[in-house]
């Protein structure tokens, strides 16, 4: 048994990563910027908290872009999708 109290939450995050990657891909295909922003914002905080640095950094870049009034390039969103799929 792990002594890490966050381990169950990390496992749930990893399980949800697949659904989040699909939701991001769908939002990207529909050019649904508000949905991309919502997903990236949620991922930016949670990923970093649970130690998923790459996902957290990518999501944070997207989130900060939206905060600055810019829509992120598609490649940036695709990179986050790929990083999420690696967690599954």
N, C-alpha and C. Protein backbone atom coordinates (compact mmCIF):
# COMPACT_ATOMS: atom_id res chain seq x y z
N UNK A 1 0.84 -1.19 0.00
CA UNK A 1 0.00 0.00 0.00
C UNK A 1 0.88 1.25 0.00
N UNK A 2 0.55 2.16 -0.85
CA UNK A 2 1.32 3.39 -0.98
C UNK A 2 1.01 4.33 0.19
N UNK A 3 2.03 5.02 0.64
CA UNK A 3 1.84 6.00 1.69
C UNK A 3 1.46 7.36 1.14
N UNK A 4 1.28 7.46 -0.16
CA UNK A 4 0.97 8.72 -0.81
C UNK A 4 -0.55 8.94 -0.82
N UNK A 5 -1.05 9.92 -0.06
CA UNK A 5 -2.49 10.13 -0.01
C UNK A 5 -3.09 10.62 -1.33
N UNK A 6 -2.26 11.12 -2.23
CA UNK A 6 -2.77 11.60 -3.52
C UNK A 6 -2.83 10.51 -4.59
N UNK A 7 -2.29 9.35 -4.31
CA UNK A 7 -2.23 8.29 -5.32
C UNK A 7 -3.61 7.94 -5.90
N UNK A 8 -4.65 7.78 -5.08
CA UNK A 8 -5.96 7.47 -5.68
C UNK A 8 -6.45 8.58 -6.62
N UNK A 9 -6.14 9.82 -6.28
CA UNK A 9 -6.55 10.93 -7.14
C UNK A 9 -5.73 10.96 -8.43
N UNK A 10 -4.46 10.61 -8.34
CA UNK A 10 -3.62 10.52 -9.55
C UNK A 10 -4.18 9.45 -10.50
N UNK A 11 -4.59 8.33 -9.94
CA UNK A 11 -5.15 7.26 -10.77
C UNK A 11 -6.43 7.72 -11.45
N UNK A 12 -7.27 8.44 -10.73
CA UNK A 12 -8.51 8.95 -11.32
C UNK A 12 -8.20 9.96 -12.43
N UNK A 13 -7.18 10.80 -12.21
CA UNK A 13 -6.79 11.77 -13.23
C UNK A 13 -6.35 11.03 -14.50
N UNK A 14 -5.54 10.00 -14.32
CA UNK A 14 -5.07 9.22 -15.48
C UNK A 14 -6.23 8.56 -16.20
N UNK A 15 -7.19 8.04 -15.45
CA UNK A 15 -8.35 7.41 -16.06
C UNK A 15 -9.17 8.42 -16.86
N UNK A 16 -9.27 9.64 -16.34
CA UNK A 16 -10.04 10.68 -17.00
C UNK A 16 -9.29 11.30 -18.19
N UNK A 17 -8.00 11.10 -18.25
CA UNK A 17 -7.18 11.70 -19.32
C UNK A 17 -7.67 11.29 -20.70
N UNK A 18 -8.10 10.05 -20.85
CA UNK A 18 -8.61 9.59 -22.14
C UNK A 18 -9.85 10.35 -22.56
N UNK A 19 -10.78 10.52 -21.63
CA UNK A 19 -12.00 11.26 -21.94
C UNK A 19 -11.70 12.73 -22.23
N UNK A 20 -10.76 13.29 -21.47
CA UNK A 20 -10.39 14.68 -21.71
C UNK A 20 -9.73 14.85 -23.07
N UNK A 21 -8.91 13.89 -23.48
CA UNK A 21 -8.27 13.99 -24.79
C UNK A 21 -9.31 13.94 -25.90
N UNK A 22 -10.31 13.08 -25.74
CA UNK A 22 -11.39 13.00 -26.74
C UNK A 22 -12.21 14.29 -26.78
N UNK A 23 -12.50 14.83 -25.60
CA UNK A 23 -13.27 16.08 -25.54
C UNK A 23 -12.50 17.23 -26.18
N UNK A 24 -11.19 17.29 -25.94
CA UNK A 24 -10.37 18.33 -26.55
C UNK A 24 -10.32 18.16 -28.07
N UNK A 25 -10.15 16.93 -28.53
CA UNK A 25 -10.10 16.67 -29.97
C UNK A 25 -11.42 17.08 -30.63
N UNK A 26 -12.52 16.77 -29.97
CA UNK A 26 -13.83 17.13 -30.50
C UNK A 26 -13.99 18.65 -30.53
N UNK A 27 -13.61 19.31 -29.46
CA UNK A 27 -13.71 20.78 -29.41
C UNK A 27 -12.83 21.42 -30.46
N UNK A 28 -11.64 20.86 -30.66
CA UNK A 28 -10.73 21.39 -31.68
C UNK A 28 -11.34 21.22 -33.08
N UNK A 29 -11.93 20.06 -33.34
CA UNK A 29 -12.55 19.82 -34.65
C UNK A 29 -13.71 20.76 -34.91
N UNK A 30 -14.41 21.15 -33.85
CA UNK A 30 -15.55 22.06 -33.98
C UNK A 30 -15.15 23.52 -33.83
N UNK A 31 -13.85 23.78 -33.61
CA UNK A 31 -13.34 25.13 -33.36
C UNK A 31 -14.09 25.79 -32.21
N UNK A 32 -14.33 25.00 -31.17
CA UNK A 32 -15.07 25.45 -29.98
C UNK A 32 -14.08 25.99 -28.95
N UNK A 33 -13.66 27.23 -29.15
CA UNK A 33 -12.66 27.84 -28.28
C UNK A 33 -13.09 27.88 -26.81
N UNK A 34 -14.35 28.21 -26.49
CA UNK A 34 -14.73 28.22 -25.07
C UNK A 34 -14.57 26.85 -24.40
N UNK A 35 -14.86 25.79 -25.13
CA UNK A 35 -14.71 24.44 -24.56
C UNK A 35 -13.24 24.09 -24.40
N UNK A 36 -12.41 24.45 -25.36
CA UNK A 36 -10.97 24.22 -25.23
C UNK A 36 -10.44 24.98 -24.03
N UNK A 37 -10.88 26.22 -23.87
CA UNK A 37 -10.43 27.02 -22.73
C UNK A 37 -10.86 26.38 -21.41
N UNK A 38 -12.10 25.92 -21.33
CA UNK A 38 -12.61 25.31 -20.11
C UNK A 38 -11.81 24.06 -19.74
N UNK A 39 -11.58 23.21 -20.72
CA UNK A 39 -10.83 21.98 -20.48
C UNK A 39 -9.39 22.27 -20.09
N UNK A 40 -8.74 23.17 -20.82
CA UNK A 40 -7.35 23.49 -20.53
C UNK A 40 -7.21 24.11 -19.14
N UNK A 41 -8.14 24.96 -18.77
CA UNK A 41 -8.08 25.60 -17.46
C UNK A 41 -8.15 24.56 -16.34
N UNK A 42 -9.07 23.63 -16.47
CA UNK A 42 -9.19 22.58 -15.46
C UNK A 42 -7.97 21.68 -15.41
N UNK A 43 -7.44 21.35 -16.56
CA UNK A 43 -6.26 20.49 -16.62
C UNK A 43 -5.02 21.20 -16.08
N UNK A 44 -4.91 22.48 -16.31
CA UNK A 44 -3.72 23.23 -15.88
C UNK A 44 -3.53 23.12 -14.38
N UNK A 45 -4.59 23.25 -13.63
CA UNK A 45 -4.46 23.16 -12.18
C UNK A 45 -4.29 21.74 -11.68
N UNK A 46 -5.13 20.85 -12.15
CA UNK A 46 -5.11 19.48 -11.64
C UNK A 46 -3.85 18.72 -12.03
N UNK A 47 -3.40 18.86 -13.26
CA UNK A 47 -2.24 18.10 -13.71
C UNK A 47 -1.00 18.44 -12.90
N UNK A 48 -0.79 19.70 -12.67
CA UNK A 48 0.37 20.12 -11.88
C UNK A 48 0.29 19.63 -10.45
N UNK A 49 -0.89 19.69 -9.87
CA UNK A 49 -1.10 19.24 -8.50
C UNK A 49 -0.74 17.77 -8.33
N UNK A 50 -1.07 16.97 -9.33
CA UNK A 50 -0.85 15.53 -9.24
C UNK A 50 0.47 15.08 -9.84
N UNK A 51 1.30 16.03 -10.27
CA UNK A 51 2.63 15.69 -10.73
C UNK A 51 2.76 15.37 -12.21
N UNK A 52 1.74 15.67 -13.00
CA UNK A 52 1.81 15.43 -14.43
C UNK A 52 2.28 16.72 -15.10
N UNK A 53 3.57 16.96 -15.01
CA UNK A 53 4.17 18.24 -15.37
C UNK A 53 3.95 18.59 -16.84
N UNK A 54 4.17 17.66 -17.73
CA UNK A 54 4.03 17.97 -19.17
C UNK A 54 2.61 18.41 -19.49
N UNK A 55 1.63 17.66 -19.02
CA UNK A 55 0.23 18.02 -19.26
C UNK A 55 -0.07 19.37 -18.62
N UNK A 56 0.38 19.56 -17.39
CA UNK A 56 0.15 20.82 -16.71
C UNK A 56 0.75 22.01 -17.44
N UNK A 57 1.98 21.86 -17.91
CA UNK A 57 2.64 22.96 -18.63
C UNK A 57 1.92 23.29 -19.94
N UNK A 58 1.56 22.25 -20.69
CA UNK A 58 0.87 22.48 -21.96
C UNK A 58 -0.49 23.14 -21.74
N UNK A 59 -1.23 22.64 -20.75
CA UNK A 59 -2.54 23.20 -20.46
C UNK A 59 -2.40 24.64 -19.97
N UNK A 60 -1.38 24.91 -19.18
CA UNK A 60 -1.16 26.26 -18.65
C UNK A 60 -0.85 27.23 -19.79
N UNK A 61 -0.06 26.80 -20.76
CA UNK A 61 0.25 27.67 -21.90
C UNK A 61 -1.02 28.04 -22.66
N UNK A 62 -1.89 27.06 -22.85
CA UNK A 62 -3.15 27.32 -23.55
C UNK A 62 -4.03 28.25 -22.72
N UNK A 63 -4.12 27.96 -21.44
CA UNK A 63 -4.94 28.77 -20.54
C UNK A 63 -4.44 30.22 -20.48
N UNK A 64 -3.14 30.40 -20.41
CA UNK A 64 -2.57 31.74 -20.37
C UNK A 64 -2.79 32.48 -21.68
N UNK A 65 -2.75 31.75 -22.79
CA UNK A 65 -3.05 32.37 -24.08
C UNK A 65 -4.46 32.92 -24.12
N UNK A 66 -5.41 32.11 -23.65
CA UNK A 66 -6.79 32.59 -23.60
C UNK A 66 -6.91 33.79 -22.68
N UNK A 67 -6.23 33.75 -21.54
CA UNK A 67 -6.28 34.87 -20.58
C UNK A 67 -5.74 36.15 -21.20
N UNK A 68 -4.81 36.01 -22.15
CA UNK A 68 -4.24 37.16 -22.84
C UNK A 68 -5.08 37.57 -24.06
N UNK A 69 -6.21 36.90 -24.25
CA UNK A 69 -7.10 37.25 -25.35
C UNK A 69 -6.75 36.60 -26.67
N UNK A 70 -5.92 35.56 -26.63
CA UNK A 70 -5.50 34.90 -27.87
C UNK A 70 -6.02 33.46 -27.91
N UNK A 71 -6.43 33.04 -29.08
CA UNK A 71 -6.80 31.65 -29.27
C UNK A 71 -5.53 30.88 -29.60
N UNK A 72 -5.29 29.75 -28.90
CA UNK A 72 -4.05 29.02 -29.13
C UNK A 72 -4.04 28.37 -30.52
N UNK A 73 -2.84 28.20 -31.08
CA UNK A 73 -2.76 27.49 -32.36
C UNK A 73 -3.19 26.03 -32.19
N UNK A 74 -3.73 25.47 -33.25
CA UNK A 74 -4.19 24.08 -33.20
C UNK A 74 -3.10 23.12 -32.76
N UNK A 75 -1.87 23.36 -33.21
CA UNK A 75 -0.76 22.47 -32.84
C UNK A 75 -0.54 22.42 -31.34
N UNK A 76 -0.78 23.53 -30.67
CA UNK A 76 -0.61 23.58 -29.22
C UNK A 76 -1.67 22.71 -28.53
N UNK A 77 -2.88 22.76 -29.03
CA UNK A 77 -3.95 21.93 -28.47
C UNK A 77 -3.68 20.46 -28.79
N UNK A 78 -3.21 20.18 -30.00
CA UNK A 78 -2.89 18.79 -30.36
C UNK A 78 -1.78 18.23 -29.46
N UNK A 79 -0.82 19.05 -29.10
CA UNK A 79 0.26 18.60 -28.21
C UNK A 79 -0.30 18.20 -26.85
N UNK A 80 -1.28 18.94 -26.36
CA UNK A 80 -1.93 18.60 -25.09
C UNK A 80 -2.70 17.29 -25.23
N UNK A 81 -3.38 17.12 -26.33
CA UNK A 81 -4.13 15.87 -26.57
C UNK A 81 -3.17 14.68 -26.55
N UNK A 82 -2.05 14.80 -27.24
CA UNK A 82 -1.06 13.72 -27.28
C UNK A 82 -0.52 13.41 -25.88
N UNK A 83 -0.22 14.46 -25.12
CA UNK A 83 0.31 14.27 -23.77
C UNK A 83 -0.71 13.57 -22.88
N UNK A 84 -1.99 13.91 -23.03
CA UNK A 84 -3.03 13.25 -22.25
C UNK A 84 -3.14 11.77 -22.63
N UNK A 85 -3.05 11.49 -23.91
CA UNK A 85 -3.16 10.09 -24.36
C UNK A 85 -2.01 9.24 -23.87
N UNK A 86 -0.86 9.86 -23.64
CA UNK A 86 0.28 9.10 -23.09
C UNK A 86 0.03 8.66 -21.65
N UNK A 87 -0.86 9.36 -20.96
CA UNK A 87 -1.16 9.01 -19.57
C UNK A 87 -2.09 7.80 -19.47
N UNK A 88 -2.81 7.52 -20.52
CA UNK A 88 -3.81 6.45 -20.48
C UNK A 88 -3.16 5.09 -20.51
